[in-house]
Amino acid sequence: MSNAEQTTYDAATTVAELFHMAGRNDYYTDRALAEAAHSIPNYAAMHRGISPTVFDPRYVDKAGAAKNPNHGGWSSYFHVIQRQLCGP
């Protein structure tokens, strides 16, 4: 990876992780972030990641996500959208 590519990667990763760090004291969860993004139709339409998503009853670990507000499915949903909005 070139220096420029590394800098771009580091910046994008920092922005992505800031969302988690800001909520780490229970201000909000990954589920809250995903639900907020999903509630905005233009943002929800941007999701082009793993399908089905945590919002779909066919999601493989629906029970796990329902029990855990910081389940990886919530984070994945949010980050697919976040990368498009905050990407380089």
Protein backbone atom coordinates (compact mmCIF):
# COMPACT_ATOMS: atom_id res chain seq x y z
CA MET A 1 0.00 0.00 0.00
CA SER A 2 1.35 3.43 -0.88
CA ASN A 3 1.54 6.23 1.69
CA ALA A 4 -1.46 7.94 0.10
CA GLU A 5 -3.49 4.72 0.16
CA GLN A 6 -2.53 4.09 3.78
CA THR A 7 -3.55 7.63 4.75
CA THR A 8 -6.92 7.22 3.00
CA TYR A 9 -7.49 3.87 4.68
CA ASP A 10 -6.53 5.23 8.11
CA ALA A 11 -8.80 8.25 7.74
CA ALA A 12 -11.79 6.16 6.63
CA THR A 13 -11.26 3.66 9.45
CA THR A 14 -10.96 6.45 12.01
CA VAL A 15 -14.24 8.02 10.89
CA ALA A 16 -15.96 4.62 11.00
CA GLU A 17 -14.72 3.80 14.48
CA LEU A 18 -15.54 7.24 15.89
CA PHE A 19 -19.22 6.32 15.71
CA HIS A 20 -18.60 3.36 18.03
CA MET A 21 -16.35 5.29 20.37
CA ALA A 22 -18.80 8.16 20.75
CA GLY A 23 -21.53 5.72 21.81
CA ARG A 24 -19.39 3.48 24.00
CA ASN A 25 -20.70 5.07 27.18
CA ASP A 26 -24.24 3.95 26.33
CA TYR A 27 -25.22 7.13 24.52
CA TYR A 28 -26.35 4.91 21.69
CA THR A 29 -25.78 1.41 20.34
CA ASP A 30 -24.94 -0.03 16.94
CA ARG A 31 -28.61 -0.95 16.65
CA ALA A 32 -29.60 2.68 17.23
CA LEU A 33 -27.20 3.80 14.50
CA ALA A 34 -28.55 1.18 12.08
CA GLU A 35 -32.16 2.06 12.89
CA ALA A 36 -31.47 5.77 12.42
CA ALA A 37 -29.88 5.17 9.02
CA HIS A 38 -32.64 2.72 8.04
CA SER A 39 -35.35 5.24 8.96
CA ILE A 40 -34.08 7.69 6.33
CA PRO A 41 -35.31 6.30 2.99
CA ASN A 42 -32.45 7.81 0.98
CA TYR A 43 -29.91 6.23 3.32
CA ALA A 44 -31.66 2.86 3.48
CA ALA A 45 -31.62 2.79 -0.33
CA MET A 46 -27.82 3.14 -0.21
CA HIS A 47 -27.39 -0.25 1.48
CA ARG A 48 -25.81 -2.54 -1.08
CA GLY A 49 -24.07 -4.88 1.30
CA ILE A 50 -24.85 -8.25 2.76
CA SER A 51 -28.39 -9.38 2.08
CA PRO A 52 -30.60 -10.10 3.88
CA THR A 53 -29.88 -7.36 6.41
CA VAL A 54 -30.75 -7.35 10.11
CA PHE A 55 -34.03 -5.68 9.16
CA ASP A 56 -35.11 -8.71 7.13
CA PRO A 57 -36.85 -11.64 8.90
CA ARG A 58 -34.66 -13.98 6.79
CA TYR A 59 -31.48 -12.64 8.45
CA VAL A 60 -29.57 -15.70 9.66
CA ASP A 61 -28.87 -14.51 13.22
CA LYS A 62 -32.07 -12.51 13.75
CA ALA A 63 -32.41 -13.80 17.34
CA GLY A 64 -28.81 -12.87 18.17
CA ALA A 65 -29.22 -9.39 16.75
CA ALA A 66 -32.52 -8.93 18.58
CA LYS A 67 -30.83 -9.77 21.89
CA ASN A 68 -27.62 -7.79 21.34
CA PRO A 69 -27.83 -4.09 20.41
CA ASN A 70 -24.14 -4.17 19.46
CA HIS A 71 -24.40 -7.31 17.30
CA GLY A 72 -22.19 -7.22 14.21
CA GLY A 73 -25.20 -7.18 11.89
CA TRP A 74 -26.25 -3.76 13.14
CA SER A 75 -22.74 -2.43 12.73
CA SER A 76 -22.36 -3.91 9.25
CA TYR A 77 -25.63 -2.35 8.09
CA PHE A 78 -24.67 1.08 9.39
CA HIS A 79 -21.12 0.97 8.03
CA VAL A 80 -22.16 0.03 4.48
CA ILE A 81 -24.11 3.29 4.39
CA GLN A 82 -21.57 5.32 6.37
CA ARG A 83 -18.74 4.39 3.99
CA GLN A 84 -20.72 5.76 1.06
CA LEU A 85 -21.53 9.01 2.84
CA CYS A 86 -18.16 9.56 4.53
CA GLY A 87 -15.84 7.80 2.12
CA PRO A 88 -12.95 9.34 0.25
